Each structure stands twice: as structure tokens, then as C-alpha cells.
Amino acid sequence: MNEQNMLNRNIFEQLKFIFVDILRCDESDINENSSSENLDQWDSLAHIKLILEIERQFVIKFSLGELQNLKSIKDLVVLVETKL
């Protein structure tokens, strides 16, 4: 596994932990294609909580424009990676 994939995997694992904690869902419900379309718990309020917790844990800040393009956890992994 190259360093880039390792970083992506680490980001994904951290994000998965955040999602499980905030959405109160099972870890097996979360994968790279998970989105608000296929996770019932991921509503607008949960989205705000998720973003705030991700910003806090990764010590980053997102712009509104960046957040508008998020469609899945995979997109979120890529966005977090660009901020680190």
C-alpha cells in the first residue's frame, strides 16, 4: 500500500468513527459510498454536527463552497486530505 492510500485509509477510519458516534449507527453501515441518500440518520442537523466534529478533530476549516459539492464519505475523505 502506498503512502497516499495509507493516508486515505487513515482519514476514512477517523471519519467512520465520527460518523458512527454522531449518527449512532453501526460501523458496518459506513463505507466510502455512504451518503445522506443511503443513511437515514444523515439529515441536515446531523450534517452540521458531522462537519463541526470533523473540523475539530482534524483541526481544519471548510468553506461553504467546499461543502456544497460533498456527495459521499469518499468525497469527504478527498476534501479532508486537501486540507491536511
PDB file of N, CA and C in Angstrom:
ATOM      1  N   MET A   1       0.851  -1.180   0.000  1.00  0.00           N
ATOM      2  CA  MET A   1       0.000   0.000   0.000  1.00  0.00           C
ATOM      3  C   MET A   1       0.895   1.242   0.000  1.00  0.00           C
ATOM      4  N   ASN A   2       0.645   2.155  -0.943  1.00  0.00           N
ATOM      5  CA  ASN A   2       1.488   3.343  -0.978  1.00  0.00           C
ATOM      6  C   ASN A   2       1.061   4.350   0.091  1.00  0.00           C
ATOM      7  N   GLU A   3       1.876   5.361   0.265  1.00  0.00           N
ATOM      8  CA  GLU A   3       1.646   6.335   1.341  1.00  0.00           C
ATOM      9  C   GLU A   3       0.318   7.072   1.160  1.00  0.00           C
ATOM     10  N   GLN A   4      -0.036   7.378  -0.091  1.00  0.00           N
ATOM     11  CA  GLN A   4      -1.286   8.088  -0.374  1.00  0.00           C
ATOM     12  C   GLN A   4      -2.499   7.255   0.048  1.00  0.00           C
ATOM     13  N   ASN A   5      -2.505   5.984  -0.319  1.00  0.00           N
ATOM     14  CA  ASN A   5      -3.618   5.120   0.072  1.00  0.00           C
ATOM     15  C   ASN A   5      -3.675   4.923   1.575  1.00  0.00           C
ATOM     16  N   MET A   6      -2.502   4.890   2.216  1.00  0.00           N
ATOM     17  CA  MET A   6      -2.443   4.754   3.665  1.00  0.00           C
ATOM     18  C   MET A   6      -3.092   5.971   4.324  1.00  0.00           C
ATOM     19  N   LEU A   7      -2.766   7.166   3.830  1.00  0.00           N
ATOM     20  CA  LEU A   7      -3.353   8.393   4.369  1.00  0.00           C
ATOM     21  C   LEU A   7      -4.863   8.374   4.171  1.00  0.00           C
ATOM     22  N   ASN A   8      -5.307   8.035   2.960  1.00  0.00           N
ATOM     23  CA  ASN A   8      -6.741   7.951   2.691  1.00  0.00           C
ATOM     24  C   ASN A   8      -7.427   6.984   3.644  1.00  0.00           C
ATOM     25  N   ARG A   9      -6.820   5.837   3.872  1.00  0.00           N
ATOM     26  CA  ARG A   9      -7.395   4.825   4.752  1.00  0.00           C
ATOM     27  C   ARG A   9      -7.479   5.357   6.180  1.00  0.00           C
ATOM     28  N   ASN A  10      -6.431   6.058   6.635  1.00  0.00           N
ATOM     29  CA  ASN A  10      -6.441   6.635   7.981  1.00  0.00           C
ATOM     30  C   ASN A  10      -7.523   7.693   8.121  1.00  0.00           C
ATOM     31  N   ILE A  11      -7.648   8.553   7.111  1.00  0.00           N
ATOM     32  CA  ILE A  11      -8.698   9.576   7.132  1.00  0.00           C
ATOM     33  C   ILE A  11     -10.064   8.900   7.156  1.00  0.00           C
ATOM     34  N   PHE A  12     -10.241   7.911   6.290  1.00  0.00           N
ATOM     35  CA  PHE A  12     -11.526   7.205   6.238  1.00  0.00           C
ATOM     36  C   PHE A  12     -11.859   6.577   7.587  1.00  0.00           C
ATOM     37  N   GLU A  13     -10.891   5.935   8.222  1.00  0.00           N
ATOM     38  CA  GLU A  13     -11.144   5.286   9.513  1.00  0.00           C
ATOM     39  C   GLU A  13     -11.533   6.310  10.576  1.00  0.00           C
ATOM     40  N   GLN A  14     -10.873   7.468  10.580  1.00  0.00           N
ATOM     41  CA  GLN A  14     -11.230   8.520  11.537  1.00  0.00           C
ATOM     42  C   GLN A  14     -12.633   9.046  11.249  1.00  0.00           C
ATOM     43  N   LEU A  15     -12.937   9.242   9.974  1.00  0.00           N
ATOM     44  CA  LEU A  15     -14.268   9.727   9.607  1.00  0.00           C
ATOM     45  C   LEU A  15     -15.334   8.700   9.984  1.00  0.00           C
ATOM     46  N   LYS A  16     -15.042   7.437   9.774  1.00  0.00           N
ATOM     47  CA  LYS A  16     -16.002   6.380  10.117  1.00  0.00           C
ATOM     48  C   LYS A  16     -16.332   6.443  11.605  1.00  0.00           C
ATOM     49  N   PHE A  17     -15.310   6.618  12.427  1.00  0.00           N
ATOM     50  CA  PHE A  17     -15.516   6.715  13.871  1.00  0.00           C
ATOM     51  C   PHE A  17     -16.429   7.905  14.206  1.00  0.00           C
ATOM     52  N   ILE A  18     -16.194   9.045  13.556  1.00  0.00           N
ATOM     53  CA  ILE A  18     -17.016  10.246  13.780  1.00  0.00           C
ATOM     54  C   ILE A  18     -18.467   9.978  13.357  1.00  0.00           C
ATOM     55  N   PHE A  19     -18.639   9.363  12.190  1.00  0.00           N
ATOM     56  CA  PHE A  19     -19.984   9.076  11.697  1.00  0.00           C
ATOM     57  C   PHE A  19     -20.730   8.121  12.618  1.00  0.00           C
ATOM     58  N   VAL A  20     -20.078   7.069  13.061  1.00  0.00           N
ATOM     59  CA  VAL A  20     -20.715   6.106  13.962  1.00  0.00           C
ATOM     60  C   VAL A  20     -21.127   6.799  15.256  1.00  0.00           C
ATOM     61  N   ASP A  21     -20.262   7.655  15.763  1.00  0.00           N
ATOM     62  CA  ASP A  21     -20.534   8.362  17.018  1.00  0.00           C
ATOM     63  C   ASP A  21     -21.712   9.327  16.871  1.00  0.00           C
ATOM     64  N   ILE A  22     -21.717  10.130  15.829  1.00  0.00           N
ATOM     65  CA  ILE A  22     -22.742  11.161  15.680  1.00  0.00           C
ATOM     66  C   ILE A  22     -24.060  10.590  15.155  1.00  0.00           C
ATOM     67  N   LEU A  23     -23.988   9.686  14.198  1.00  0.00           N
ATOM     68  CA  LEU A  23     -25.214   9.133  13.617  1.00  0.00           C
ATOM     69  C   LEU A  23     -25.782   7.981  14.434  1.00  0.00           C
ATOM     70  N   ARG A  24     -25.006   7.498  15.410  1.00  0.00           N
ATOM     71  CA  ARG A  24     -25.436   6.375  16.245  1.00  0.00           C
ATOM     72  C   ARG A  24     -25.831   5.181  15.366  1.00  0.00           C
ATOM     73  N   CYS A  25     -24.966   4.890  14.416  1.00  0.00           N
ATOM     74  CA  CYS A  25     -25.226   3.762  13.521  1.00  0.00           C
ATOM     75  C   CYS A  25     -24.146   2.704  13.712  1.00  0.00           C
ATOM     76  N   ASP A  26     -24.338   1.594  13.067  1.00  0.00           N
ATOM     77  CA  ASP A  26     -23.378   0.508  13.154  1.00  0.00           C
ATOM     78  C   ASP A  26     -22.213   0.787  12.218  1.00  0.00           C
ATOM     79  N   GLU A  27     -21.026   0.392  12.631  1.00  0.00           N
ATOM     80  CA  GLU A  27     -19.826   0.606  11.829  1.00  0.00           C
ATOM     81  C   GLU A  27     -19.963  -0.009  10.434  1.00  0.00           C
ATOM     82  N   SER A  28     -20.662  -1.115  10.344  1.00  0.00           N
ATOM     83  CA  SER A  28     -20.843  -1.785   9.055  1.00  0.00           C
ATOM     84  C   SER A  28     -21.735  -0.992   8.096  1.00  0.00           C
ATOM     85  N   ASP A  29     -22.471  -0.003   8.623  1.00  0.00           N
ATOM     86  CA  ASP A  29     -23.313   0.853   7.772  1.00  0.00           C
ATOM     87  C   ASP A  29     -22.496   1.891   7.016  1.00  0.00           C
ATOM     88  N   ILE A  30     -21.255   2.103   7.440  1.00  0.00           N
ATOM     89  CA  ILE A  30     -20.430   3.180   6.877  1.00  0.00           C
ATOM     90  C   ILE A  30     -19.406   2.609   5.912  1.00  0.00           C
ATOM     91  N   ASN A  31     -19.436   3.109   4.682  1.00  0.00           N
ATOM     92  CA  ASN A  31     -18.410   2.772   3.703  1.00  0.00           C
ATOM     93  C   ASN A  31     -18.136   4.013   2.856  1.00  0.00           C
ATOM     94  N   GLU A  32     -17.223   3.917   1.933  1.00  0.00           N
ATOM     95  CA  GLU A  32     -16.823   5.102   1.163  1.00  0.00           C
ATOM     96  C   GLU A  32     -17.958   5.671   0.327  1.00  0.00           C
ATOM     97  N   ASN A  33     -18.964   4.868   0.014  1.00  0.00           N
ATOM     98  CA  ASN A  33     -20.093   5.338  -0.789  1.00  0.00           C
ATOM     99  C   ASN A  33     -21.285   5.771   0.048  1.00  0.00           C
ATOM    100  N   SER A  34     -21.151   5.726   1.365  1.00  0.00           N
ATOM    101  CA  SER A  34     -22.237   6.179   2.234  1.00  0.00           C
ATOM    102  C   SER A  34     -22.495   7.659   1.990  1.00  0.00           C
ATOM    103  N   SER A  35     -23.774   8.005   1.994  1.00  0.00           N
ATOM    104  CA  SER A  35     -24.160   9.405   1.773  1.00  0.00           C
ATOM    105  C   SER A  35     -25.469   9.682   2.504  1.00  0.00           C
ATOM    106  N   SER A  36     -25.896  10.919   2.458  1.00  0.00           N
ATOM    107  CA  SER A  36     -27.168  11.267   3.086  1.00  0.00           C
ATOM    108  C   SER A  36     -28.323  10.590   2.351  1.00  0.00           C
ATOM    109  N   GLU A  37     -28.082  10.158   1.117  1.00  0.00           N
ATOM    110  CA  GLU A  37     -29.109   9.458   0.340  1.00  0.00           C
ATOM    111  C   GLU A  37     -29.351   8.036   0.853  1.00  0.00           C
ATOM    112  N   ASN A  38     -28.313   7.384   1.381  1.00  0.00           N
ATOM    113  CA  ASN A  38     -28.485   5.993   1.803  1.00  0.00           C
ATOM    114  C   ASN A  38     -28.298   5.764   3.303  1.00  0.00           C
ATOM    115  N   LEU A  39     -28.119   6.841   4.062  1.00  0.00           N
ATOM    116  CA  LEU A  39     -28.084   6.747   5.527  1.00  0.00           C
ATOM    117  C   LEU A  39     -29.197   7.625   6.087  1.00  0.00           C
ATOM    118  N   ASP A  40     -30.240   7.005   6.588  1.00  0.00           N
ATOM    119  CA  ASP A  40     -31.400   7.761   7.082  1.00  0.00           C
ATOM    120  C   ASP A  40     -31.043   8.743   8.193  1.00  0.00           C
ATOM    121  N   GLN A  41     -30.050   8.377   9.022  1.00  0.00           N
ATOM    122  CA  GLN A  41     -29.685   9.230  10.152  1.00  0.00           C
ATOM    123  C   GLN A  41     -28.959  10.502   9.711  1.00  0.00           C
ATOM    124  N   TRP A  42     -28.450  10.537   8.484  1.00  0.00           N
ATOM    125  CA  TRP A  42     -27.653  11.668   7.996  1.00  0.00           C
ATOM    126  C   TRP A  42     -28.588  12.737   7.449  1.00  0.00           C
ATOM    127  N   ASP A  43     -29.215  13.482   8.369  1.00  0.00           N
ATOM    128  CA  ASP A  43     -30.096  14.574   7.975  1.00  0.00           C
ATOM    129  C   ASP A  43     -29.348  15.903   8.090  1.00  0.00           C
ATOM    130  N   SER A  44     -30.038  17.018   7.899  1.00  0.00           N
ATOM    131  CA  SER A  44     -29.357  18.315   7.874  1.00  0.00           C
ATOM    132  C   SER A  44     -28.716  18.664   9.218  1.00  0.00           C
ATOM    133  N   LEU A  45     -29.370  18.343  10.319  1.00  0.00           N
ATOM    134  CA  LEU A  45     -28.791  18.625  11.632  1.00  0.00           C
ATOM    135  C   LEU A  45     -27.564  17.747  11.869  1.00  0.00           C
ATOM    136  N   ALA A  46     -27.661  16.465  11.526  1.00  0.00           N
ATOM    137  CA  ALA A  46     -26.520  15.561  11.672  1.00  0.00           C
ATOM    138  C   ALA A  46     -25.362  16.034  10.795  1.00  0.00           C
ATOM    139  N   HIS A  47     -25.675  16.561   9.612  1.00  0.00           N
ATOM    140  CA  HIS A  47     -24.634  17.040   8.702  1.00  0.00           C
ATOM    141  C   HIS A  47     -23.813  18.158   9.361  1.00  0.00           C
ATOM    142  N   ILE A  48     -24.505  19.083   9.997  1.00  0.00           N
ATOM    143  CA  ILE A  48     -23.816  20.186  10.689  1.00  0.00           C
ATOM    144  C   ILE A  48     -22.941  19.639  11.812  1.00  0.00           C
ATOM    145  N   LYS A  49     -23.487  18.714  12.595  1.00  0.00           N
ATOM    146  CA  LYS A  49     -22.708  18.113  13.681  1.00  0.00           C
ATOM    147  C   LYS A  49     -21.482  17.377  13.140  1.00  0.00           C
ATOM    148  N   LEU A  50     -21.662  16.648  12.051  1.00  0.00           N
ATOM    149  CA  LEU A  50     -20.552  15.914  11.433  1.00  0.00           C
ATOM    150  C   LEU A  50     -19.450  16.868  11.000  1.00  0.00           C
ATOM    151  N   ILE A  51     -19.824  17.923  10.290  1.00  0.00           N
ATOM    152  CA  ILE A  51     -18.835  18.874   9.780  1.00  0.00           C
ATOM    153  C   ILE A  51     -18.087  19.542  10.931  1.00  0.00           C
ATOM    154  N   LEU A  52     -18.800  19.969  11.954  1.00  0.00           N
ATOM    155  CA  LEU A  52     -18.160  20.616  13.100  1.00  0.00           C
ATOM    156  C   LEU A  52     -17.179  19.672  13.795  1.00  0.00           C
ATOM    157  N   GLU A  53     -17.572  18.412  13.951  1.00  0.00           N
ATOM    158  CA  GLU A  53     -16.699  17.445  14.617  1.00  0.00           C
ATOM    159  C   GLU A  53     -15.488  17.104  13.748  1.00  0.00           C
ATOM    160  N   ILE A  54     -15.696  16.992  12.455  1.00  0.00           N
ATOM    161  CA  ILE A  54     -14.575  16.730  11.536  1.00  0.00           C
ATOM    162  C   ILE A  54     -13.585  17.893  11.583  1.00  0.00           C
ATOM    163  N   GLU A  55     -14.100  19.114  11.535  1.00  0.00           N
ATOM    164  CA  GLU A  55     -13.218  20.288  11.620  1.00  0.00           C
ATOM    165  C   GLU A  55     -12.448  20.289  12.935  1.00  0.00           C
ATOM    166  N   ARG A  56     -13.126  19.954  14.021  1.00  0.00           N
ATOM    167  CA  ARG A  56     -12.482  19.942  15.339  1.00  0.00           C
ATOM    168  C   ARG A  56     -11.395  18.864  15.412  1.00  0.00           C
ATOM    169  N   GLN A  57     -11.721  17.659  15.006  1.00  0.00           N
ATOM    170  CA  GLN A  57     -10.766  16.560  15.151  1.00  0.00           C
ATOM    171  C   GLN A  57      -9.566  16.675  14.215  1.00  0.00           C
ATOM    172  N   PHE A  58      -9.788  17.193  13.015  1.00  0.00           N
ATOM    173  CA  PHE A  58      -8.685  17.310  12.058  1.00  0.00           C
ATOM    174  C   PHE A  58      -8.013  18.685  12.111  1.00  0.00           C
ATOM    175  N   VAL A  59      -8.567  19.590  12.938  1.00  0.00           N
ATOM    176  CA  VAL A  59      -8.069  20.968  13.075  1.00  0.00           C
ATOM    177  C   VAL A  59      -7.984  21.630  11.697  1.00  0.00           C
ATOM    178  N   ILE A  60      -9.130  21.647  11.018  1.00  0.00           N
ATOM    179  CA  ILE A  60      -9.255  22.259   9.700  1.00  0.00           C
ATOM    180  C   ILE A  60     -10.545  23.060   9.651  1.00  0.00           C
ATOM    181  N   LYS A  61     -10.712  23.863   8.617  1.00  0.00           N
ATOM    182  CA  LYS A  61     -11.954  24.614   8.396  1.00  0.00           C
ATOM    183  C   LYS A  61     -12.360  24.438   6.944  1.00  0.00           C
ATOM    184  N   PHE A  62     -13.650  24.206   6.731  1.00  0.00           N
ATOM    185  CA  PHE A  62     -14.199  24.088   5.393  1.00  0.00           C
ATOM    186  C   PHE A  62     -14.893  25.382   5.007  1.00  0.00           C
ATOM    187  N   SER A  63     -14.861  25.704   3.726  1.00  0.00           N
ATOM    188  CA  SER A  63     -15.654  26.832   3.231  1.00  0.00           C
ATOM    189  C   SER A  63     -17.009  26.281   2.807  1.00  0.00           C
ATOM    190  N   LEU A  64     -17.997  27.155   2.730  1.00  0.00           N
ATOM    191  CA  LEU A  64     -19.328  26.732   2.332  1.00  0.00           C
ATOM    192  C   LEU A  64     -19.307  26.122   0.933  1.00  0.00           C
ATOM    193  N   GLY A  65     -18.533  26.700   0.041  1.00  0.00           N
ATOM    194  CA  GLY A  65     -18.432  26.181  -1.328  1.00  0.00           C
ATOM    195  C   GLY A  65     -17.904  24.766  -1.375  1.00  0.00           C
ATOM    196  N   GLU A  66     -16.945  24.462  -0.509  1.00  0.00           N
ATOM    197  CA  GLU A  66     -16.389  23.107  -0.466  1.00  0.00           C
ATOM    198  C   GLU A  66     -17.434  22.090  -0.012  1.00  0.00           C
ATOM    199  N   LEU A  67     -18.258  22.493   0.913  1.00  0.00           N
ATOM    200  CA  LEU A  67     -19.239  21.578   1.486  1.00  0.00           C
ATOM    201  C   LEU A  67     -20.402  21.297   0.536  1.00  0.00           C
ATOM    202  N   GLN A  68     -20.678  22.224  -0.364  1.00  0.00           N
ATOM    203  CA  GLN A  68     -21.806  22.054  -1.280  1.00  0.00           C
ATOM    204  C   GLN A  68     -21.598  20.909  -2.256  1.00  0.00           C
ATOM    205  N   ASN A  69     -20.358  20.548  -2.524  1.00  0.00           N
ATOM    206  CA  ASN A  69     -20.069  19.513  -3.510  1.00  0.00           C
ATOM    207  C   ASN A  69     -19.949  18.114  -2.918  1.00  0.00           C
ATOM    208  N   LEU A  70     -20.119  17.979  -1.614  1.00  0.00           N
ATOM    209  CA  LEU A  70     -19.971  16.672  -0.978  1.00  0.00           C
ATOM    210  C   LEU A  70     -21.163  15.779  -1.287  1.00  0.00           C
ATOM    211  N   LYS A  71     -20.867  14.601  -1.820  1.00  0.00           N
ATOM    212  CA  LYS A  71     -21.923  13.644  -2.142  1.00  0.00           C
ATOM    213  C   LYS A  71     -21.794  12.350  -1.350  1.00  0.00           C
ATOM    214  N   SER A  72     -20.586  12.058  -0.855  1.00  0.00           N
ATOM    215  CA  SER A  72     -20.363  10.794  -0.152  1.00  0.00           C
ATOM    216  C   SER A  72     -19.194  10.936   0.815  1.00  0.00           C
ATOM    217  N   ILE A  73     -18.984   9.912   1.606  1.00  0.00           N
ATOM    218  CA  ILE A  73     -17.843   9.913   2.521  1.00  0.00           C
ATOM    219  C   ILE A  73     -16.545   9.936   1.721  1.00  0.00           C
ATOM    220  N   LYS A  74     -16.532   9.284   0.566  1.00  0.00           N
ATOM    221  CA  LYS A  74     -15.336   9.302  -0.281  1.00  0.00           C
ATOM    222  C   LYS A  74     -14.969  10.753  -0.642  1.00  0.00           C
ATOM    223  N   ASP A  75     -15.966  11.566  -1.003  1.00  0.00           N
ATOM    224  CA  ASP A  75     -15.718  12.986  -1.304  1.00  0.00           C
ATOM    225  C   ASP A  75     -15.159  13.705  -0.085  1.00  0.00           C
ATOM    226  N   LEU A  76     -15.663  13.341   1.067  1.00  0.00           N
ATOM    227  CA  LEU A  76     -15.210  13.952   2.313  1.00  0.00           C
ATOM    228  C   LEU A  76     -13.760  13.582   2.614  1.00  0.00           C
ATOM    229  N   VAL A  77     -13.388  12.336   2.357  1.00  0.00           N
ATOM    230  CA  VAL A  77     -12.000  11.893   2.547  1.00  0.00           C
ATOM    231  C   VAL A  77     -11.072  12.740   1.685  1.00  0.00           C
ATOM    232  N   VAL A  78     -11.440  12.920   0.421  1.00  0.00           N
ATOM    233  CA  VAL A  78     -10.625  13.703  -0.518  1.00  0.00           C
ATOM    234  C   VAL A  78     -10.524  15.151  -0.046  1.00  0.00           C
ATOM    235  N   LEU A  79     -11.629  15.727   0.407  1.00  0.00           N
ATOM    236  CA  LEU A  79     -11.623  17.113   0.873  1.00  0.00           C
ATOM    237  C   LEU A  79     -10.750  17.276   2.116  1.00  0.00           C
ATOM    238  N   VAL A  80     -10.889  16.383   3.083  1.00  0.00           N
ATOM    239  CA  VAL A  80     -10.067  16.446   4.302  1.00  0.00           C
ATOM    240  C   VAL A  80      -8.594  16.334   3.923  1.00  0.00           C
ATOM    241  N   GLU A  81      -8.308  15.434   3.015  1.00  0.00           N
ATOM    242  CA  GLU A  81      -6.917  15.227   2.581  1.00  0.00           C
ATOM    243  C   GLU A  81      -6.309  16.502   2.000  1.00  0.00           C
ATOM    244  N   THR A  82      -7.109  17.264   1.245  1.00  0.00           N
ATOM    245  CA  THR A  82      -6.585  18.507   0.666  1.00  0.00           C
ATOM    246  C   THR A  82      -6.319  19.560   1.735  1.00  0.00           C
ATOM    247  N   LYS A  83      -6.973  19.438   2.885  1.00  0.00           N
ATOM    248  CA  LYS A  83      -6.828  20.415   3.967  1.00  0.00           C
ATOM    249  C   LYS A  83      -5.655  20.102   4.885  1.00  0.00           C
ATOM    250  N   LEU A  84      -5.148  18.873   4.844  1.00  0.00           N
ATOM    251  CA  LEU A  84      -4.084  18.481   5.762  1.00  0.00           C
ATOM    252  C   LEU A  84      -2.701  18.809   5.223  1.00  0.00           C
TER     253      LEU A  84
END
